[in-house]
Amino acid sequence: MKLLAIGAHPDDIEFGCGGTLLKFSRDGENEINLLVMTRGDKGGDPDVRKGEQERSAGIMKARTVFWGGYSDTQVPHSSETIQKVEGIVKEIKPDLIFILWPDDVHQDHHNIAHAAVTATRYSRNVLFYEVPTTQNFQPNVFVDIGDVLEEKFRILEAHASQVFATRIADLSILESAKSSATFRGYQGRVKYAEGFMSLRLSLLYHEGR
């Protein structure tokens, strides 16, 4: 399978669906691609954050990290944004796409989510993921990440400049991610999980599997 995960800033993808991407990348038969729309320049040095994203992508064995080229907090809700996402979708032809949930207090997340919904309108499998600024998220799809939780911590730790950038005293992004995984795991009847909401989800049967 070909997978595409779309985020606004470096570390969005890792928090929301990093464990799931790690599971898909394990056997080497699936192709992981990332589209990150900004280099997170409001949250740190953009060159540092770009390097952190690329290190994380290496751990995930991602084939490509595409960059949207927008400035942090300035991603527009426009046809240009839609066309940029749609161009990557047409280039990769992914079997499964992960996008941010639109109800979010960060304007970049909100705008990219709406652009991605339009840009993926002909895609058969699209899942919304959550990040710490997501609101009103009620997942109906769960992926057990218990066997890759430590690896998920590794890809989050690759974003070293952001580990304690939670804006909550003494709370690291690792603690936040583990709390989320525990809560979604309980909902999904496993110990640790990532939760998703389906925009579209097609169940496929493969002969011999």
C-alpha atoms as a PDB file:
ATOM      1  CA  MET A   1       0.000   0.000   0.000  1.00  0.00           C
ATOM      2  CA  LYS A   2       0.936   3.616  -0.499  1.00  0.00           C
ATOM      3  CA  LEU A   3       0.187   5.897   2.444  1.00  0.00           C
ATOM      4  CA  LEU A   4       0.123   9.684   2.653  1.00  0.00           C
ATOM      5  CA  ALA A   5      -0.029  11.596   5.937  1.00  0.00           C
ATOM      6  CA  ILE A   6      -0.683  15.344   5.795  1.00  0.00           C
ATOM      7  CA  GLY A   7       0.275  17.704   8.617  1.00  0.00           C
ATOM      8  CA  ALA A   8       0.514  21.421   9.208  1.00  0.00           C
ATOM      9  CA  HIS A   9       3.765  21.467  11.186  1.00  0.00           C
ATOM     10  CA  PRO A  10       6.649  19.123  11.945  1.00  0.00           C
ATOM     11  CA  ASP A  11       5.471  16.660  14.657  1.00  0.00           C
ATOM     12  CA  ASP A  12       1.707  16.852  13.879  1.00  0.00           C
ATOM     13  CA  ILE A  13       1.817  13.590  11.946  1.00  0.00           C
ATOM     14  CA  GLU A  14       3.935  11.826  14.559  1.00  0.00           C
ATOM     15  CA  PHE A  15       1.526  12.689  17.362  1.00  0.00           C
ATOM     16  CA  GLY A  16      -1.657  11.855  15.473  1.00  0.00           C
ATOM     17  CA  CYS A  17      -0.795   8.796  13.396  1.00  0.00           C
ATOM     18  CA  GLY A  18       2.895   8.076  13.934  1.00  0.00           C
ATOM     19  CA  GLY A  19       2.287   4.719  15.599  1.00  0.00           C
ATOM     20  CA  THR A  20       0.066   3.580  12.756  1.00  0.00           C
ATOM     21  CA  LEU A  21       2.630   4.654  10.154  1.00  0.00           C
ATOM     22  CA  LEU A  22       5.332   2.764  12.064  1.00  0.00           C
ATOM     23  CA  LYS A  23       3.234  -0.407  11.953  1.00  0.00           C
ATOM     24  CA  PHE A  24       2.750  -0.039   8.197  1.00  0.00           C
ATOM     25  CA  SER A  25       6.463   0.598   7.638  1.00  0.00           C
ATOM     26  CA  ARG A  26       7.643  -2.474   9.544  1.00  0.00           C
ATOM     27  CA  ASP A  27       7.681  -5.081   6.796  1.00  0.00           C
ATOM     28  CA  GLY A  28       9.016  -2.767   4.102  1.00  0.00           C
ATOM     29  CA  GLU A  29       6.159  -3.579   1.725  1.00  0.00           C
ATOM     30  CA  ASN A  30       4.232  -0.357   2.320  1.00  0.00           C
ATOM     31  CA  GLU A  31       5.299   3.086   1.116  1.00  0.00           C
ATOM     32  CA  ILE A  32       5.052   5.963   3.594  1.00  0.00           C
ATOM     33  CA  ASN A  33       4.882   9.562   2.335  1.00  0.00           C
ATOM     34  CA  LEU A  34       4.540  12.748   4.371  1.00  0.00           C
ATOM     35  CA  LEU A  35       3.297  16.186   3.372  1.00  0.00           C
ATOM     36  CA  VAL A  36       4.160  18.908   5.892  1.00  0.00           C
ATOM     37  CA  MET A  37       2.736  22.279   4.960  1.00  0.00           C
ATOM     38  CA  THR A  38       5.019  24.539   7.047  1.00  0.00           C
ATOM     39  CA  ARG A  39       8.411  24.290   8.754  1.00  0.00           C
ATOM     40  CA  GLY A  40       6.913  25.434  12.056  1.00  0.00           C
ATOM     41  CA  ASP A  41       8.787  28.731  12.172  1.00  0.00           C
ATOM     42  CA  LYS A  42       6.555  30.215  14.893  1.00  0.00           C
ATOM     43  CA  GLY A  43       7.490  27.361  17.208  1.00  0.00           C
ATOM     44  CA  GLY A  44      11.246  27.402  16.633  1.00  0.00           C
ATOM     45  CA  ASP A  45      14.037  27.676  14.091  1.00  0.00           C
ATOM     46  CA  PRO A  46      12.558  26.451  10.778  1.00  0.00           C
ATOM     47  CA  ASP A  47      15.819  24.850   9.650  1.00  0.00           C
ATOM     48  CA  VAL A  48      16.082  22.953  12.936  1.00  0.00           C
ATOM     49  CA  ARG A  49      12.485  21.819  12.700  1.00  0.00           C
ATOM     50  CA  LYS A  50      12.932  20.721   9.086  1.00  0.00           C
ATOM     51  CA  GLY A  51      15.911  18.615  10.143  1.00  0.00           C
ATOM     52  CA  GLU A  52      13.924  17.128  13.015  1.00  0.00           C
ATOM     53  CA  GLN A  53      11.122  16.175  10.651  1.00  0.00           C
ATOM     54  CA  GLU A  54      13.539  14.508   8.284  1.00  0.00           C
ATOM     55  CA  ARG A  55      15.144  12.520  11.131  1.00  0.00           C
ATOM     56  CA  SER A  56      11.725  11.350  12.256  1.00  0.00           C
ATOM     57  CA  ALA A  57      10.829  10.395   8.695  1.00  0.00           C
ATOM     58  CA  GLY A  58      14.002   8.326   8.541  1.00  0.00           C
ATOM     59  CA  ILE A  59      12.966   6.346  11.613  1.00  0.00           C
ATOM     60  CA  MET A  60       9.574   5.749   9.992  1.00  0.00           C
ATOM     61  CA  LYS A  61      11.327   4.691   6.765  1.00  0.00           C
ATOM     62  CA  ALA A  62       9.279   7.249   4.851  1.00  0.00           C
ATOM     63  CA  ARG A  63      10.002   7.402   1.138  1.00  0.00           C
ATOM     64  CA  THR A  64       9.444  11.142   0.778  1.00  0.00           C
ATOM     65  CA  VAL A  65       8.792  14.231   2.871  1.00  0.00           C
ATOM     66  CA  PHE A  66       7.030  16.839   0.760  1.00  0.00           C
ATOM     67  CA  TRP A  67       6.995  20.450   1.997  1.00  0.00           C
ATOM     68  CA  GLY A  68       4.093  22.807   1.401  1.00  0.00           C
ATOM     69  CA  GLY A  69       6.244  25.923   1.624  1.00  0.00           C
ATOM     70  CA  TYR A  70       3.871  28.020   3.738  1.00  0.00           C
ATOM     71  CA  SER A  71       4.760  30.130   6.763  1.00  0.00           C
ATOM     72  CA  ASP A  72       3.573  28.925  10.146  1.00  0.00           C
ATOM     73  CA  THR A  73       0.121  30.389  11.055  1.00  0.00           C
ATOM     74  CA  GLN A  74      -0.322  31.645   7.473  1.00  0.00           C
ATOM     75  CA  VAL A  75      -1.642  28.640   5.594  1.00  0.00           C
ATOM     76  CA  PRO A  76      -4.600  30.039   3.647  1.00  0.00           C
ATOM     77  CA  HIS A  77      -8.012  28.487   3.205  1.00  0.00           C
ATOM     78  CA  SER A  78      -7.808  28.853  -0.561  1.00  0.00           C
ATOM     79  CA  SER A  79      -7.877  27.073  -3.900  1.00  0.00           C
ATOM     80  CA  GLU A  80      -4.069  27.274  -3.928  1.00  0.00           C
ATOM     81  CA  THR A  81      -3.848  25.144  -0.791  1.00  0.00           C
ATOM     82  CA  ILE A  82      -6.314  22.644  -2.233  1.00  0.00           C
ATOM     83  CA  GLN A  83      -4.347  22.430  -5.478  1.00  0.00           C
ATOM     84  CA  LYS A  84      -1.069  21.925  -3.618  1.00  0.00           C
ATOM     85  CA  VAL A  85      -2.474  18.971  -1.663  1.00  0.00           C
ATOM     86  CA  GLU A  86      -4.290  17.617  -4.701  1.00  0.00           C
ATOM     87  CA  GLY A  87      -1.074  17.696  -6.713  1.00  0.00           C
ATOM     88  CA  ILE A  88       0.677  15.444  -4.195  1.00  0.00           C
ATOM     89  CA  VAL A  89      -2.321  13.110  -4.056  1.00  0.00           C
ATOM     90  CA  LYS A  90      -2.293  12.793  -7.860  1.00  0.00           C
ATOM     91  CA  GLU A  91       1.469  12.199  -7.882  1.00  0.00           C
ATOM     92  CA  ILE A  92       1.472   9.478  -5.217  1.00  0.00           C
ATOM     93  CA  LYS A  93      -1.973   7.924  -5.785  1.00  0.00           C
ATOM     94  CA  PRO A  94      -2.142   6.781  -2.140  1.00  0.00           C
ATOM     95  CA  ASP A  95      -4.300   3.889  -0.988  1.00  0.00           C
ATOM     96  CA  LEU A  96      -4.764   5.437   2.458  1.00  0.00           C
ATOM     97  CA  ILE A  97      -4.590   9.104   3.501  1.00  0.00           C
ATOM     98  CA  PHE A  98      -4.381  10.614   6.992  1.00  0.00           C
ATOM     99  CA  ILE A  99      -5.481  14.231   7.495  1.00  0.00           C
ATOM    100  CA  LEU A 100      -6.059  16.584  10.410  1.00  0.00           C
ATOM    101  CA  TRP A 101      -9.539  16.875  11.915  1.00  0.00           C
ATOM    102  CA  PRO A 102     -11.136  20.213  10.895  1.00  0.00           C
ATOM    103  CA  ASP A 103     -12.458  21.215  14.336  1.00  0.00           C
ATOM    104  CA  ASP A 104      -9.207  22.608  15.739  1.00  0.00           C
ATOM    105  CA  VAL A 105      -8.230  25.817  17.510  1.00  0.00           C
ATOM    106  CA  HIS A 106      -5.115  26.283  15.347  1.00  0.00           C
ATOM    107  CA  GLN A 107      -5.926  28.040  12.085  1.00  0.00           C
ATOM    108  CA  ASP A 108      -3.333  26.094  10.064  1.00  0.00           C
ATOM    109  CA  HIS A 109      -4.803  22.764  11.176  1.00  0.00           C
ATOM    110  CA  HIS A 110      -8.316  23.977  10.419  1.00  0.00           C
ATOM    111  CA  ASN A 111      -7.479  25.336   6.970  1.00  0.00           C
ATOM    112  CA  ILE A 112      -5.375  22.378   5.865  1.00  0.00           C
ATOM    113  CA  ALA A 113      -8.037  19.933   7.009  1.00  0.00           C
ATOM    114  CA  HIS A 114     -10.691  21.645   4.910  1.00  0.00           C
ATOM    115  CA  ALA A 115      -8.348  21.854   1.920  1.00  0.00           C
ATOM    116  CA  ALA A 116      -7.466  18.172   2.263  1.00  0.00           C
ATOM    117  CA  VAL A 117     -11.116  17.108   2.398  1.00  0.00           C
ATOM    118  CA  THR A 118     -11.622  18.729  -1.006  1.00  0.00           C
ATOM    119  CA  ALA A 119      -8.282  17.548  -2.398  1.00  0.00           C
ATOM    120  CA  THR A 120      -9.025  13.924  -1.458  1.00  0.00           C
ATOM    121  CA  ARG A 121     -12.596  13.902  -2.749  1.00  0.00           C
ATOM    122  CA  TYR A 122     -11.871  11.019  -5.142  1.00  0.00           C
ATOM    123  CA  SER A 123      -9.800   8.986  -2.669  1.00  0.00           C
ATOM    124  CA  ARG A 124     -11.373   5.844  -1.228  1.00  0.00           C
ATOM    125  CA  ASN A 125      -9.687   5.706   2.175  1.00  0.00           C
ATOM    126  CA  VAL A 126      -9.307   8.899   4.200  1.00  0.00           C
ATOM    127  CA  LEU A 127      -8.950   9.028   7.983  1.00  0.00           C
ATOM    128  CA  PHE A 128      -8.900  12.068  10.267  1.00  0.00           C
ATOM    129  CA  TYR A 129      -6.370  12.100  13.106  1.00  0.00           C
ATOM    130  CA  GLU A 130      -6.142  14.187  16.268  1.00  0.00           C
ATOM    131  CA  VAL A 131      -3.491  16.452  17.786  1.00  0.00           C
ATOM    132  CA  PRO A 132      -3.459  18.276  21.153  1.00  0.00           C
ATOM    133  CA  THR A 133      -5.408  21.266  19.763  1.00  0.00           C
ATOM    134  CA  THR A 134      -8.175  19.094  18.269  1.00  0.00           C
ATOM    135  CA  GLN A 135     -11.736  19.577  19.532  1.00  0.00           C
ATOM    136  CA  ASN A 136     -14.835  17.355  19.532  1.00  0.00           C
ATOM    137  CA  PHE A 137     -13.080  14.261  18.231  1.00  0.00           C
ATOM    138  CA  GLN A 138     -14.985  10.984  18.526  1.00  0.00           C
ATOM    139  CA  PRO A 139     -12.986   8.198  16.841  1.00  0.00           C
ATOM    140  CA  ASN A 140     -14.672   5.244  15.189  1.00  0.00           C
ATOM    141  CA  VAL A 141     -11.491   3.531  13.970  1.00  0.00           C
ATOM    142  CA  PHE A 142      -8.721   2.332  16.300  1.00  0.00           C
ATOM    143  CA  VAL A 143      -5.228   0.983  15.681  1.00  0.00           C
ATOM    144  CA  ASP A 144      -3.469  -0.950  18.444  1.00  0.00           C
ATOM    145  CA  ILE A 145      -0.025   0.689  18.834  1.00  0.00           C
ATOM    146  CA  GLY A 146       1.083  -1.154  21.955  1.00  0.00           C
ATOM    147  CA  ASP A 147       3.882  -2.914  20.075  1.00  0.00           C
ATOM    148  CA  VAL A 148       5.254   0.337  18.603  1.00  0.00           C
ATOM    149  CA  LEU A 149       4.663   2.759  21.476  1.00  0.00           C
ATOM    150  CA  GLU A 150       8.377   3.068  22.289  1.00  0.00           C
ATOM    151  CA  GLU A 151       9.118   3.678  18.605  1.00  0.00           C
ATOM    152  CA  LYS A 152       6.437   6.360  18.582  1.00  0.00           C
ATOM    153  CA  PHE A 153       8.259   8.021  21.462  1.00  0.00           C
ATOM    154  CA  ARG A 154      11.439   7.880  19.367  1.00  0.00           C
ATOM    155  CA  ILE A 155       9.910   9.730  16.435  1.00  0.00           C
ATOM    156  CA  LEU A 156       8.467  12.328  18.809  1.00  0.00           C
ATOM    157  CA  GLU A 157      11.862  12.677  20.517  1.00  0.00           C
ATOM    158  CA  ALA A 158      13.358  13.329  17.080  1.00  0.00           C
ATOM    159  CA  HIS A 159      11.529  16.664  17.348  1.00  0.00           C
ATOM    160  CA  ALA A 160      13.814  17.598  20.240  1.00  0.00           C
ATOM    161  CA  SER A 161      13.012  21.317  20.119  1.00  0.00           C
ATOM    162  CA  GLN A 162       9.327  20.558  20.674  1.00  0.00           C
ATOM    163  CA  VAL A 163       9.387  17.906  23.407  1.00  0.00           C
ATOM    164  CA  PHE A 164       8.565  20.453  26.127  1.00  0.00           C
ATOM    165  CA  ALA A 165       6.782  22.972  23.869  1.00  0.00           C
ATOM    166  CA  THR A 166       3.342  21.953  25.156  1.00  0.00           C
ATOM    167  CA  ARG A 167       2.713  25.312  26.880  1.00  0.00           C
ATOM    168  CA  ILE A 168       1.824  23.346  30.018  1.00  0.00           C
ATOM    169  CA  ALA A 169       4.416  23.443  32.789  1.00  0.00           C
ATOM    170  CA  ASP A 170       6.474  20.240  33.112  1.00  0.00           C
ATOM    171  CA  LEU A 171       4.351  18.352  30.567  1.00  0.00           C
ATOM    172  CA  SER A 172       6.241  16.775  27.695  1.00  0.00           C
ATOM    173  CA  ILE A 173       4.777  15.782  24.348  1.00  0.00           C
ATOM    174  CA  LEU A 174       5.692  12.197  25.222  1.00  0.00           C
ATOM    175  CA  GLU A 175       3.488  12.269  28.314  1.00  0.00           C
ATOM    176  CA  SER A 176       0.689  13.836  26.294  1.00  0.00           C
ATOM    177  CA  ALA A 177       1.014  11.188  23.579  1.00  0.00           C
ATOM    178  CA  LYS A 178       0.993   8.357  26.124  1.00  0.00           C
ATOM    179  CA  SER A 179      -2.100   9.763  27.836  1.00  0.00           C
ATOM    180  CA  SER A 180      -3.875   9.989  24.493  1.00  0.00           C
ATOM    181  CA  ALA A 181      -2.801   6.443  23.586  1.00  0.00           C
ATOM    182  CA  THR A 182      -4.070   5.129  26.918  1.00  0.00           C
ATOM    183  CA  PHE A 183      -7.456   6.842  26.564  1.00  0.00           C
ATOM    184  CA  ARG A 184      -7.960   5.796  22.944  1.00  0.00           C
ATOM    185  CA  GLY A 185      -6.719   2.328  23.819  1.00  0.00           C
ATOM    186  CA  TYR A 186      -9.398   1.983  26.475  1.00  0.00           C
ATOM    187  CA  GLN A 187     -12.019   3.041  23.931  1.00  0.00           C
ATOM    188  CA  GLY A 188     -10.615   0.563  21.402  1.00  0.00           C
ATOM    189  CA  ARG A 189     -10.395  -2.233  24.002  1.00  0.00           C
ATOM    190  CA  VAL A 190      -6.593  -2.446  23.950  1.00  0.00           C
ATOM    191  CA  LYS A 191      -3.918  -0.927  26.174  1.00  0.00           C
ATOM    192  CA  TYR A 192      -2.614   1.710  23.752  1.00  0.00           C
ATOM    193  CA  ALA A 193      -4.176   2.925  20.519  1.00  0.00           C
ATOM    194  CA  GLU A 194      -4.448   5.748  18.049  1.00  0.00           C
ATOM    195  CA  GLY A 195      -7.990   6.797  17.215  1.00  0.00           C
ATOM    196  CA  PHE A 196      -9.278   8.009  13.878  1.00  0.00           C
ATOM    197  CA  MET A 197     -12.517   9.245  12.375  1.00  0.00           C
ATOM    198  CA  SER A 198     -13.336   8.020   8.907  1.00  0.00           C
ATOM    199  CA  LEU A 199     -14.189  10.391   6.100  1.00  0.00           C
ATOM    200  CA  ARG A 200     -14.313   7.318   3.841  1.00  0.00           C
ATOM    201  CA  LEU A 201     -13.097   3.813   4.529  1.00  0.00           C
ATOM    202  CA  SER A 202     -13.311   0.928   2.064  1.00  0.00           C
ATOM    203  CA  LEU A 203     -12.719  -2.588   3.365  1.00  0.00           C
ATOM    204  CA  LEU A 204     -10.813  -4.639   0.807  1.00  0.00           C
ATOM    205  CA  TYR A 205     -10.418  -8.420   0.617  1.00  0.00           C
ATOM    206  CA  HIS A 206      -7.227  -9.823  -0.892  1.00  0.00           C
ATOM    207  CA  GLU A 207      -7.095 -13.421  -2.118  1.00  0.00           C
ATOM    208  CA  GLY A 208      -4.760 -15.544  -0.047  1.00  0.00           C
ATOM    209  CA  ARG A 209      -4.687 -13.171   2.939  1.00  0.00           C
END
